[in-house]
Amino acid sequence: MKLIVITTPCFFEGEAKEITSLFRAGLEVLHLRKPGASAEETEHLLRQLPEQYMQRIVIHEHFHLASVFNLRGIHLNRRSPDVPHGYVGHVSLSCHSLNEVAKYKSACDYVFLSPIFDSISKEGYASAFSHRELCEARKVGIIDSKVMALGGITAGCLRKIEALGFGGAALLGDIWNREKSDVVSHFLELRQSYNP
């Protein structure tokens, strides 16, 4: 099962160092999501990261930076819904319904489905799916290895996510809502909690 980390919406002091430490600890994919940030601010963060990790970064805004920095790919969402003309490469997409997953999954490398559990980072953003709905979606092939669970992901629910047939989980609040010195150790605990 794949573990993906999504950046905090806002920049913070020492962020490049924390991200680099996560990559060194084995993080395979980071989603760089900074809604409202300028291309210059986003580029500034990317320039602080070691070049060897660029192929592990998927960008949510300012898609031209994907080619400038040779990033892994782009992520489509409501703010940035379209693949740029001529772009060829990794594409992922945010989905908020099972119908969206069924409609768009085949055109993407993977999709996020959210919120699976009550969000940690967005107050009042409650789970949108019952356990029964998710089990049925797995049974009919909507949820499979190309669908990543997002929303309220903690160590305690990783086995459940795997049992529901998701290909992985995207982490935000559970990673970043702790002391910065604990970010990497918590990520390692998460990886070990389900024995990938």
N, C-alpha and C. Protein backbone atom coordinates (compact mmCIF):
# COMPACT_ATOMS: atom_id res chain seq x y z
N MET A 1 0.85 -1.18 0.00
CA MET A 1 0.00 0.00 0.00
C MET A 1 0.89 1.24 0.00
N LYS A 2 0.52 2.20 -0.86
CA LYS A 2 1.31 3.42 -1.02
C LYS A 2 0.92 4.45 0.03
N LEU A 3 1.90 5.11 0.64
CA LEU A 3 1.66 6.24 1.53
C LEU A 3 2.12 7.51 0.82
N ILE A 4 1.20 8.45 0.68
CA ILE A 4 1.47 9.73 0.03
C ILE A 4 1.33 10.81 1.09
N VAL A 5 2.24 11.77 1.11
CA VAL A 5 2.12 12.91 2.02
C VAL A 5 1.77 14.15 1.21
N ILE A 6 0.79 14.91 1.71
CA ILE A 6 0.40 16.17 1.10
C ILE A 6 0.95 17.30 1.97
N THR A 7 1.54 18.30 1.36
CA THR A 7 2.09 19.41 2.14
C THR A 7 0.97 20.19 2.83
N THR A 8 1.35 20.95 3.85
CA THR A 8 0.40 21.86 4.48
C THR A 8 0.03 22.94 3.46
N PRO A 9 -1.16 23.54 3.58
CA PRO A 9 -1.55 24.58 2.62
C PRO A 9 -0.65 25.82 2.67
N CYS A 10 -0.09 26.10 3.84
CA CYS A 10 0.76 27.28 4.00
C CYS A 10 2.22 26.86 4.17
N PHE A 11 3.12 27.71 3.73
CA PHE A 11 4.54 27.47 3.93
C PHE A 11 4.88 27.64 5.41
N PHE A 12 5.91 26.97 5.87
CA PHE A 12 6.38 27.18 7.24
C PHE A 12 7.90 27.12 7.28
N GLU A 13 8.47 27.71 8.29
CA GLU A 13 9.93 27.75 8.43
C GLU A 13 10.48 26.34 8.60
N GLY A 14 11.48 26.01 7.83
CA GLY A 14 12.09 24.69 7.91
C GLY A 14 11.36 23.62 7.11
N GLU A 15 10.40 24.03 6.27
CA GLU A 15 9.60 23.05 5.52
C GLU A 15 10.46 22.22 4.57
N ALA A 16 11.37 22.84 3.85
CA ALA A 16 12.20 22.08 2.91
C ALA A 16 13.01 21.01 3.64
N LYS A 17 13.50 21.35 4.82
CA LYS A 17 14.27 20.39 5.61
C LYS A 17 13.40 19.21 6.03
N GLU A 18 12.15 19.50 6.46
CA GLU A 18 11.23 18.43 6.87
C GLU A 18 10.88 17.51 5.70
N ILE A 19 10.61 18.12 4.55
CA ILE A 19 10.27 17.34 3.36
C ILE A 19 11.45 16.47 2.95
N THR A 20 12.64 17.04 2.96
CA THR A 20 13.84 16.28 2.60
C THR A 20 14.02 15.11 3.56
N SER A 21 13.79 15.32 4.84
CA SER A 21 13.91 14.24 5.83
C SER A 21 12.90 13.14 5.57
N LEU A 22 11.69 13.51 5.15
CA LEU A 22 10.69 12.49 4.82
C LEU A 22 11.13 11.66 3.61
N PHE A 23 11.67 12.33 2.59
CA PHE A 23 12.18 11.59 1.43
C PHE A 23 13.29 10.63 1.85
N ARG A 24 14.20 11.11 2.67
CA ARG A 24 15.31 10.26 3.12
C ARG A 24 14.81 9.07 3.95
N ALA A 25 13.66 9.26 4.61
CA ALA A 25 13.06 8.19 5.42
C ALA A 25 12.26 7.20 4.57
N GLY A 26 12.18 7.46 3.26
CA GLY A 26 11.53 6.51 2.37
C GLY A 26 10.23 6.97 1.75
N LEU A 27 9.83 8.24 1.94
CA LEU A 27 8.62 8.74 1.30
C LEU A 27 8.77 8.65 -0.21
N GLU A 28 7.82 7.99 -0.86
CA GLU A 28 7.90 7.79 -2.30
C GLU A 28 7.24 8.91 -3.09
N VAL A 29 6.14 9.48 -2.54
CA VAL A 29 5.40 10.50 -3.27
C VAL A 29 4.96 11.61 -2.32
N LEU A 30 5.28 12.85 -2.71
CA LEU A 30 4.83 14.04 -2.00
C LEU A 30 3.96 14.85 -2.94
N HIS A 31 2.79 15.25 -2.47
CA HIS A 31 1.94 16.16 -3.24
C HIS A 31 2.17 17.57 -2.73
N LEU A 32 2.66 18.42 -3.60
CA LEU A 32 2.95 19.81 -3.27
C LEU A 32 1.68 20.62 -3.53
N ARG A 33 0.96 20.90 -2.45
CA ARG A 33 -0.33 21.60 -2.54
C ARG A 33 -0.26 22.86 -1.70
N LYS A 34 -0.23 24.00 -2.37
CA LYS A 34 -0.17 25.30 -1.71
C LYS A 34 -1.19 26.24 -2.36
N PRO A 35 -2.48 26.03 -2.12
CA PRO A 35 -3.49 26.87 -2.77
C PRO A 35 -3.28 28.34 -2.41
N GLY A 36 -3.30 29.18 -3.40
CA GLY A 36 -3.09 30.60 -3.15
C GLY A 36 -1.65 31.05 -3.24
N ALA A 37 -0.71 30.13 -3.25
CA ALA A 37 0.70 30.50 -3.35
C ALA A 37 1.03 30.89 -4.79
N SER A 38 1.94 31.82 -4.94
CA SER A 38 2.37 32.23 -6.27
C SER A 38 3.32 31.18 -6.86
N ALA A 39 3.51 31.27 -8.16
CA ALA A 39 4.47 30.39 -8.82
C ALA A 39 5.86 30.62 -8.25
N GLU A 40 6.19 31.86 -7.95
CA GLU A 40 7.51 32.20 -7.41
C GLU A 40 7.73 31.57 -6.04
N GLU A 41 6.70 31.63 -5.18
CA GLU A 41 6.81 31.03 -3.84
C GLU A 41 6.97 29.51 -3.94
N THR A 42 6.20 28.91 -4.83
CA THR A 42 6.28 27.47 -5.02
C THR A 42 7.65 27.07 -5.56
N GLU A 43 8.14 27.84 -6.52
CA GLU A 43 9.46 27.59 -7.10
C GLU A 43 10.55 27.74 -6.04
N HIS A 44 10.39 28.70 -5.15
CA HIS A 44 11.38 28.91 -4.08
C HIS A 44 11.50 27.66 -3.20
N LEU A 45 10.36 27.06 -2.85
CA LEU A 45 10.40 25.83 -2.05
C LEU A 45 11.07 24.70 -2.84
N LEU A 46 10.70 24.54 -4.09
CA LEU A 46 11.29 23.47 -4.91
C LEU A 46 12.81 23.62 -5.02
N ARG A 47 13.29 24.84 -5.14
CA ARG A 47 14.74 25.07 -5.27
C ARG A 47 15.50 24.71 -4.00
N GLN A 48 14.80 24.64 -2.88
CA GLN A 48 15.45 24.27 -1.61
C GLN A 48 15.54 22.75 -1.42
N LEU A 49 14.89 21.99 -2.30
CA LEU A 49 14.87 20.53 -2.17
C LEU A 49 15.94 19.90 -3.05
N PRO A 50 16.56 18.80 -2.61
CA PRO A 50 17.57 18.13 -3.43
C PRO A 50 16.98 17.65 -4.76
N GLU A 51 17.73 17.86 -5.82
CA GLU A 51 17.27 17.49 -7.16
C GLU A 51 16.91 16.01 -7.27
N GLN A 52 17.58 15.17 -6.50
CA GLN A 52 17.33 13.72 -6.58
C GLN A 52 15.91 13.34 -6.19
N TYR A 53 15.18 14.24 -5.52
CA TYR A 53 13.82 13.92 -5.08
C TYR A 53 12.73 14.52 -5.96
N MET A 54 13.09 15.24 -7.00
CA MET A 54 12.09 15.89 -7.85
C MET A 54 11.10 14.90 -8.46
N GLN A 55 11.59 13.72 -8.82
CA GLN A 55 10.71 12.72 -9.44
C GLN A 55 9.72 12.09 -8.45
N ARG A 56 9.76 12.53 -7.20
CA ARG A 56 8.81 12.04 -6.20
C ARG A 56 7.74 13.10 -5.88
N ILE A 57 7.76 14.22 -6.60
CA ILE A 57 6.85 15.33 -6.28
C ILE A 57 5.79 15.49 -7.36
N VAL A 58 4.54 15.55 -6.90
CA VAL A 58 3.39 15.84 -7.77
C VAL A 58 2.88 17.23 -7.36
N ILE A 59 2.69 18.10 -8.34
CA ILE A 59 2.32 19.50 -8.05
C ILE A 59 0.84 19.75 -8.32
N HIS A 60 0.20 20.54 -7.45
CA HIS A 60 -1.24 20.82 -7.56
C HIS A 60 -1.55 22.13 -8.26
N GLU A 61 -0.63 23.05 -8.32
CA GLU A 61 -0.82 24.34 -8.98
C GLU A 61 0.44 24.65 -9.78
N HIS A 62 0.31 25.64 -10.68
CA HIS A 62 1.46 26.10 -11.46
C HIS A 62 2.12 24.92 -12.20
N PHE A 63 1.32 24.28 -13.03
CA PHE A 63 1.74 23.03 -13.69
C PHE A 63 2.99 23.18 -14.55
N HIS A 64 3.29 24.40 -15.01
CA HIS A 64 4.50 24.58 -15.83
C HIS A 64 5.76 24.20 -15.05
N LEU A 65 5.69 24.26 -13.71
CA LEU A 65 6.87 23.91 -12.91
C LEU A 65 7.19 22.42 -12.98
N ALA A 66 6.22 21.60 -13.39
CA ALA A 66 6.47 20.16 -13.52
C ALA A 66 7.58 19.89 -14.53
N SER A 67 7.56 20.62 -15.64
CA SER A 67 8.61 20.41 -16.64
C SER A 67 9.90 21.14 -16.27
N VAL A 68 9.76 22.32 -15.65
CA VAL A 68 10.95 23.09 -15.25
C VAL A 68 11.81 22.28 -14.29
N PHE A 69 11.17 21.58 -13.33
CA PHE A 69 11.90 20.84 -12.30
C PHE A 69 11.92 19.33 -12.53
N ASN A 70 11.37 18.89 -13.65
CA ASN A 70 11.29 17.45 -13.94
C ASN A 70 10.59 16.69 -12.81
N LEU A 71 9.41 17.20 -12.42
CA LEU A 71 8.65 16.59 -11.33
C LEU A 71 7.96 15.32 -11.80
N ARG A 72 7.49 14.55 -10.84
CA ARG A 72 6.78 13.30 -11.14
C ARG A 72 5.53 13.56 -11.99
N GLY A 73 4.78 14.64 -11.64
CA GLY A 73 3.58 14.92 -12.40
C GLY A 73 2.72 16.02 -11.81
N ILE A 74 1.45 16.03 -12.25
CA ILE A 74 0.50 17.06 -11.85
C ILE A 74 -0.73 16.42 -11.23
N HIS A 75 -1.42 17.23 -10.40
CA HIS A 75 -2.64 16.76 -9.76
C HIS A 75 -3.77 17.72 -10.07
N LEU A 76 -4.86 17.19 -10.61
CA LEU A 76 -6.01 18.01 -10.98
C LEU A 76 -6.99 18.08 -9.82
N ASN A 77 -7.61 19.26 -9.67
CA ASN A 77 -8.63 19.45 -8.64
C ASN A 77 -9.58 20.55 -9.11
N ARG A 78 -10.47 21.00 -8.24
CA ARG A 78 -11.45 22.01 -8.65
C ARG A 78 -10.80 23.34 -9.04
N ARG A 79 -9.68 23.69 -8.43
CA ARG A 79 -8.98 24.93 -8.79
C ARG A 79 -8.22 24.80 -10.10
N SER A 80 -7.69 23.62 -10.35
CA SER A 80 -6.89 23.36 -11.56
C SER A 80 -7.41 22.07 -12.20
N PRO A 81 -8.54 22.16 -12.94
CA PRO A 81 -9.22 20.95 -13.40
C PRO A 81 -8.74 20.35 -14.72
N ASP A 82 -7.92 21.09 -15.46
CA ASP A 82 -7.57 20.63 -16.81
C ASP A 82 -6.08 20.33 -16.98
N VAL A 83 -5.82 19.28 -17.75
CA VAL A 83 -4.44 18.95 -18.13
C VAL A 83 -3.98 20.00 -19.14
N PRO A 84 -2.82 20.61 -18.92
CA PRO A 84 -2.33 21.62 -19.87
C PRO A 84 -2.15 21.03 -21.27
N HIS A 85 -2.41 21.85 -22.26
CA HIS A 85 -2.25 21.41 -23.65
C HIS A 85 -0.83 20.91 -23.88
N GLY A 86 -0.72 19.72 -24.43
CA GLY A 86 0.58 19.15 -24.76
C GLY A 86 1.27 18.42 -23.62
N TYR A 87 0.68 18.48 -22.42
CA TYR A 87 1.31 17.79 -21.28
C TYR A 87 1.19 16.28 -21.45
N VAL A 88 2.30 15.60 -21.23
CA VAL A 88 2.32 14.14 -21.23
C VAL A 88 3.07 13.72 -19.97
N GLY A 89 2.44 12.91 -19.17
CA GLY A 89 3.09 12.47 -17.94
C GLY A 89 2.07 12.07 -16.89
N HIS A 90 2.55 11.90 -15.68
CA HIS A 90 1.73 11.47 -14.55
C HIS A 90 0.61 12.48 -14.29
N VAL A 91 -0.62 11.95 -14.14
CA VAL A 91 -1.78 12.77 -13.79
C VAL A 91 -2.55 12.06 -12.68
N SER A 92 -2.84 12.81 -11.61
CA SER A 92 -3.74 12.30 -10.57
C SER A 92 -4.86 13.32 -10.40
N LEU A 93 -5.91 12.93 -9.67
CA LEU A 93 -7.12 13.75 -9.61
C LEU A 93 -7.81 13.59 -8.27
N SER A 94 -8.38 14.68 -7.75
CA SER A 94 -9.19 14.62 -6.53
C SER A 94 -10.63 14.29 -6.89
N CYS A 95 -11.19 13.29 -6.22
CA CYS A 95 -12.59 12.91 -6.41
C CYS A 95 -13.30 12.96 -5.05
N HIS A 96 -14.58 13.34 -5.10
CA HIS A 96 -15.36 13.44 -3.87
C HIS A 96 -16.62 12.60 -3.92
N SER A 97 -16.71 11.74 -4.93
CA SER A 97 -17.83 10.80 -5.03
C SER A 97 -17.35 9.54 -5.73
N LEU A 98 -18.05 8.46 -5.49
CA LEU A 98 -17.72 7.20 -6.16
C LEU A 98 -18.00 7.30 -7.66
N ASN A 99 -18.99 8.10 -8.04
CA ASN A 99 -19.27 8.29 -9.47
C ASN A 99 -18.11 8.97 -10.16
N GLU A 100 -17.50 9.95 -9.50
CA GLU A 100 -16.32 10.61 -10.07
C GLU A 100 -15.17 9.62 -10.25
N VAL A 101 -14.97 8.78 -9.25
CA VAL A 101 -13.90 7.77 -9.35
C VAL A 101 -14.14 6.88 -10.55
N ALA A 102 -15.36 6.37 -10.68
CA ALA A 102 -15.70 5.47 -11.79
C ALA A 102 -15.51 6.17 -13.14
N LYS A 103 -15.82 7.45 -13.20
CA LYS A 103 -15.75 8.20 -14.46
C LYS A 103 -14.32 8.54 -14.88
N TYR A 104 -13.48 8.93 -13.89
CA TYR A 104 -12.17 9.49 -14.23
C TYR A 104 -10.96 8.60 -13.97
N LYS A 105 -11.13 7.56 -13.19
CA LYS A 105 -10.00 6.75 -12.76
C LYS A 105 -9.16 6.22 -13.92
N SER A 106 -9.80 5.77 -14.97
CA SER A 106 -9.06 5.14 -16.08
C SER A 106 -8.15 6.12 -16.81
N ALA A 107 -8.43 7.43 -16.70
CA ALA A 107 -7.62 8.43 -17.39
C ALA A 107 -6.48 8.95 -16.52
N CYS A 108 -6.36 8.42 -15.30
CA CYS A 108 -5.35 8.92 -14.36
C CYS A 108 -4.42 7.80 -13.90
N ASP A 109 -3.27 8.20 -13.38
CA ASP A 109 -2.38 7.23 -12.76
C ASP A 109 -2.98 6.73 -11.45
N TYR A 110 -3.62 7.65 -10.71
CA TYR A 110 -4.43 7.31 -9.54
C TYR A 110 -5.32 8.49 -9.22
N VAL A 111 -6.32 8.24 -8.36
CA VAL A 111 -7.20 9.31 -7.89
C VAL A 111 -7.25 9.29 -6.37
N PHE A 112 -7.52 10.45 -5.79
CA PHE A 112 -7.82 10.55 -4.36
C PHE A 112 -9.33 10.47 -4.21
N LEU A 113 -9.80 9.74 -3.22
CA LEU A 113 -11.22 9.76 -2.85
C LEU A 113 -11.31 10.27 -1.43
N SER A 114 -12.12 11.33 -1.24
CA SER A 114 -12.22 11.92 0.10
C SER A 114 -13.60 12.53 0.33
N PRO A 115 -13.95 12.75 1.61
CA PRO A 115 -13.23 12.30 2.81
C PRO A 115 -13.69 10.91 3.25
N ILE A 116 -12.73 10.02 3.46
CA ILE A 116 -13.04 8.66 3.89
C ILE A 116 -13.39 8.64 5.37
N PHE A 117 -12.61 9.33 6.19
CA PHE A 117 -12.91 9.49 7.61
C PHE A 117 -13.04 10.98 7.90
N ASP A 118 -13.45 11.34 9.09
CA ASP A 118 -13.55 12.75 9.46
C ASP A 118 -12.17 13.40 9.36
N SER A 119 -12.11 14.51 8.65
CA SER A 119 -10.83 15.18 8.40
C SER A 119 -10.16 15.66 9.68
N ILE A 120 -8.84 15.56 9.69
CA ILE A 120 -8.03 16.07 10.79
C ILE A 120 -7.67 17.54 10.53
N SER A 121 -7.42 17.88 9.27
CA SER A 121 -6.92 19.22 8.94
C SER A 121 -8.03 20.21 8.59
N LYS A 122 -9.22 19.73 8.24
CA LYS A 122 -10.33 20.62 7.87
C LYS A 122 -11.48 20.42 8.85
N GLU A 123 -11.67 21.38 9.70
CA GLU A 123 -12.71 21.28 10.73
C GLU A 123 -14.10 21.20 10.09
N GLY A 124 -14.92 20.25 10.58
CA GLY A 124 -16.28 20.10 10.09
C GLY A 124 -16.39 19.33 8.78
N TYR A 125 -15.29 18.79 8.31
CA TYR A 125 -15.26 18.04 7.04
C TYR A 125 -15.39 16.57 7.39
N ALA A 126 -16.65 16.08 7.43
CA ALA A 126 -16.93 14.73 7.93
C ALA A 126 -16.89 13.69 6.82
N SER A 127 -16.70 12.45 7.23
CA SER A 127 -16.70 11.32 6.30
C SER A 127 -17.94 11.35 5.41
N ALA A 128 -17.74 11.08 4.12
CA ALA A 128 -18.85 11.14 3.17
C ALA A 128 -19.35 9.77 2.75
N PHE A 129 -18.74 8.72 3.29
CA PHE A 129 -19.07 7.37 2.84
C PHE A 129 -19.27 6.43 4.02
N SER A 130 -20.27 5.57 3.92
CA SER A 130 -20.45 4.54 4.95
C SER A 130 -19.53 3.37 4.63
N HIS A 131 -19.26 2.58 5.65
CA HIS A 131 -18.43 1.38 5.44
C HIS A 131 -19.09 0.48 4.39
N ARG A 132 -20.38 0.37 4.45
CA ARG A 132 -21.12 -0.47 3.49
C ARG A 132 -20.92 0.02 2.05
N GLU A 133 -21.01 1.35 1.86
CA GLU A 133 -20.81 1.92 0.51
C GLU A 133 -19.42 1.60 -0.01
N LEU A 134 -18.42 1.74 0.85
CA LEU A 134 -17.04 1.48 0.44
C LEU A 134 -16.83 0.01 0.11
N CYS A 135 -17.42 -0.88 0.91
CA CYS A 135 -17.31 -2.32 0.63
C CYS A 135 -17.96 -2.66 -0.71
N GLU A 136 -19.11 -2.08 -0.97
CA GLU A 136 -19.81 -2.31 -2.24
C GLU A 136 -18.99 -1.77 -3.41
N ALA A 137 -18.38 -0.60 -3.22
CA ALA A 137 -17.56 0.00 -4.28
C ALA A 137 -16.35 -0.88 -4.59
N ARG A 138 -15.82 -1.51 -3.57
CA ARG A 138 -14.71 -2.43 -3.81
C ARG A 138 -15.21 -3.65 -4.58
N LYS A 139 -16.35 -4.16 -4.17
CA LYS A 139 -16.90 -5.38 -4.78
C LYS A 139 -17.15 -5.20 -6.28
N VAL A 140 -17.60 -4.01 -6.67
CA VAL A 140 -17.90 -3.77 -8.09
C VAL A 140 -16.71 -3.19 -8.85
N GLY A 141 -15.57 -3.04 -8.18
CA GLY A 141 -14.34 -2.61 -8.86
C GLY A 141 -14.13 -1.12 -8.95
N ILE A 142 -14.93 -0.33 -8.26
CA ILE A 142 -14.69 1.13 -8.27
C ILE A 142 -13.46 1.45 -7.43
N ILE A 143 -13.40 0.89 -6.23
CA ILE A 143 -12.21 1.05 -5.40
C ILE A 143 -11.24 -0.08 -5.72
N ASP A 144 -10.02 0.31 -6.09
CA ASP A 144 -8.99 -0.67 -6.40
C ASP A 144 -7.63 -0.01 -6.15
N SER A 145 -6.58 -0.57 -6.71
CA SER A 145 -5.22 -0.09 -6.44
C SER A 145 -4.96 1.31 -6.98
N LYS A 146 -5.83 1.84 -7.85
CA LYS A 146 -5.65 3.18 -8.39
C LYS A 146 -6.38 4.25 -7.58
N VAL A 147 -6.97 3.85 -6.46
CA VAL A 147 -7.72 4.79 -5.63
C VAL A 147 -7.02 4.95 -4.28
N MET A 148 -6.69 6.20 -3.93
CA MET A 148 -6.01 6.50 -2.67
C MET A 148 -7.01 7.14 -1.70
N ALA A 149 -7.07 6.63 -0.50
CA ALA A 149 -7.97 7.17 0.52
C ALA A 149 -7.39 8.47 1.08
N LEU A 150 -8.25 9.45 1.29
CA LEU A 150 -7.84 10.74 1.84
C LEU A 150 -8.90 11.20 2.83
N GLY A 151 -8.45 11.81 3.91
CA GLY A 151 -9.37 12.35 4.90
C GLY A 151 -9.37 11.57 6.19
N GLY A 152 -8.77 12.14 7.23
CA GLY A 152 -8.78 11.51 8.54
C GLY A 152 -7.91 10.28 8.66
N ILE A 153 -6.90 10.18 7.83
CA ILE A 153 -6.04 8.99 7.82
C ILE A 153 -5.08 9.02 9.01
N THR A 154 -5.12 7.97 9.81
CA THR A 154 -4.21 7.79 10.95
C THR A 154 -3.67 6.36 10.91
N ALA A 155 -2.70 6.07 11.77
CA ALA A 155 -2.15 4.72 11.83
C ALA A 155 -3.22 3.70 12.13
N GLY A 156 -4.19 4.07 12.95
CA GLY A 156 -5.24 3.14 13.36
C GLY A 156 -6.18 2.72 12.25
N CYS A 157 -6.19 3.43 11.14
CA CYS A 157 -7.12 3.06 10.08
C CYS A 157 -6.44 2.52 8.82
N LEU A 158 -5.12 2.40 8.81
CA LEU A 158 -4.43 1.94 7.60
C LEU A 158 -4.81 0.51 7.20
N ARG A 159 -4.93 -0.38 8.19
CA ARG A 159 -5.32 -1.75 7.85
C ARG A 159 -6.73 -1.81 7.28
N LYS A 160 -7.61 -0.97 7.81
CA LYS A 160 -8.99 -0.91 7.31
C LYS A 160 -9.00 -0.42 5.85
N ILE A 161 -8.19 0.59 5.58
CA ILE A 161 -8.09 1.13 4.22
C ILE A 161 -7.58 0.04 3.26
N GLU A 162 -6.59 -0.68 3.70
CA GLU A 162 -6.06 -1.77 2.88
C GLU A 162 -7.11 -2.84 2.66
N ALA A 163 -7.86 -3.19 3.71
CA ALA A 163 -8.91 -4.22 3.60
C ALA A 163 -10.04 -3.78 2.67
N LEU A 164 -10.26 -2.46 2.57
CA LEU A 164 -11.30 -1.94 1.67
C LEU A 164 -10.85 -1.91 0.22
N GLY A 165 -9.59 -2.27 -0.04
CA GLY A 165 -9.11 -2.37 -1.41
C GLY A 165 -8.42 -1.14 -1.97
N PHE A 166 -8.25 -0.11 -1.14
CA PHE A 166 -7.55 1.08 -1.62
C PHE A 166 -6.09 0.75 -1.93
N GLY A 167 -5.54 1.44 -2.91
CA GLY A 167 -4.14 1.23 -3.26
C GLY A 167 -3.17 1.97 -2.36
N GLY A 168 -3.72 2.86 -1.54
CA GLY A 168 -2.87 3.61 -0.64
C GLY A 168 -3.66 4.67 0.10
N ALA A 169 -2.94 5.51 0.80
CA ALA A 169 -3.56 6.57 1.59
C ALA A 169 -2.74 7.84 1.48
N ALA A 170 -3.44 8.96 1.47
CA ALA A 170 -2.80 10.27 1.45
C ALA A 170 -2.92 10.90 2.83
N LEU A 171 -1.80 11.37 3.34
CA LEU A 171 -1.73 11.90 4.70
C LEU A 171 -1.48 13.39 4.69
N LEU A 172 -2.17 14.09 5.58
CA LEU A 172 -1.93 15.52 5.73
C LEU A 172 -1.92 15.87 7.21
N GLY A 173 -3.09 15.98 7.82
CA GLY A 173 -3.18 16.39 9.21
C GLY A 173 -2.42 15.51 10.18
N ASP A 174 -2.50 14.20 10.00
CA ASP A 174 -1.85 13.29 10.94
C ASP A 174 -0.33 13.41 10.92
N ILE A 175 0.21 13.83 9.79
CA ILE A 175 1.67 14.03 9.68
C ILE A 175 2.08 15.39 10.23
N TRP A 176 1.39 16.45 9.81
CA TRP A 176 1.87 17.80 10.08
C TRP A 176 1.36 18.40 11.39
N ASN A 177 0.29 17.85 11.97
CA ASN A 177 -0.26 18.40 13.21
C ASN A 177 0.44 17.82 14.44
N ARG A 178 1.74 17.93 14.46
CA ARG A 178 2.55 17.44 15.58
C ARG A 178 3.85 18.24 15.62
N GLU A 179 4.60 18.04 16.66
CA GLU A 179 5.89 18.73 16.76
C GLU A 179 6.74 18.37 15.55
N LYS A 180 7.41 19.35 14.99
CA LYS A 180 8.23 19.11 13.79
C LYS A 180 9.27 18.02 14.01
N SER A 181 9.77 17.89 15.23
CA SER A 181 10.77 16.85 15.49
C SER A 181 10.18 15.45 15.42
N ASP A 182 8.85 15.35 15.43
CA ASP A 182 8.19 14.04 15.42
C ASP A 182 7.69 13.62 14.04
N VAL A 183 7.78 14.50 13.05
CA VAL A 183 7.20 14.23 11.74
C VAL A 183 7.77 12.96 11.11
N VAL A 184 9.08 12.87 11.03
CA VAL A 184 9.70 11.71 10.38
C VAL A 184 9.48 10.44 11.18
N SER A 185 9.64 10.52 12.50
CA SER A 185 9.45 9.31 13.32
C SER A 185 8.01 8.83 13.21
N HIS A 186 7.05 9.76 13.13
CA HIS A 186 5.65 9.34 12.98
C HIS A 186 5.42 8.70 11.61
N PHE A 187 6.02 9.27 10.57
CA PHE A 187 5.90 8.67 9.24
C PHE A 187 6.43 7.24 9.25
N LEU A 188 7.57 7.02 9.89
CA LEU A 188 8.13 5.67 9.97
C LEU A 188 7.22 4.74 10.75
N GLU A 189 6.60 5.23 11.81
CA GLU A 189 5.63 4.42 12.57
C GLU A 189 4.45 4.03 11.71
N LEU A 190 3.97 4.98 10.90
CA LEU A 190 2.85 4.69 10.00
C LEU A 190 3.22 3.58 9.02
N ARG A 191 4.40 3.69 8.45
CA ARG A 191 4.84 2.67 7.48
C ARG A 191 4.92 1.29 8.13
N GLN A 192 5.40 1.25 9.37
CA GLN A 192 5.55 -0.03 10.06
C GLN A 192 4.22 -0.57 10.58
N SER A 193 3.22 0.31 10.74
CA SER A 193 1.96 -0.10 11.39
C SER A 193 1.17 -1.11 10.56
N TYR A 194 1.43 -1.18 9.28
CA TYR A 194 0.70 -2.15 8.46
C TYR A 194 1.62 -3.08 7.69
N ASN A 195 2.92 -3.03 7.99
CA ASN A 195 3.91 -3.92 7.38
C ASN A 195 3.81 -3.97 5.86
N PRO A 196 4.13 -2.86 5.17
CA PRO A 196 4.01 -2.86 3.71
C PRO A 196 4.93 -3.87 3.06
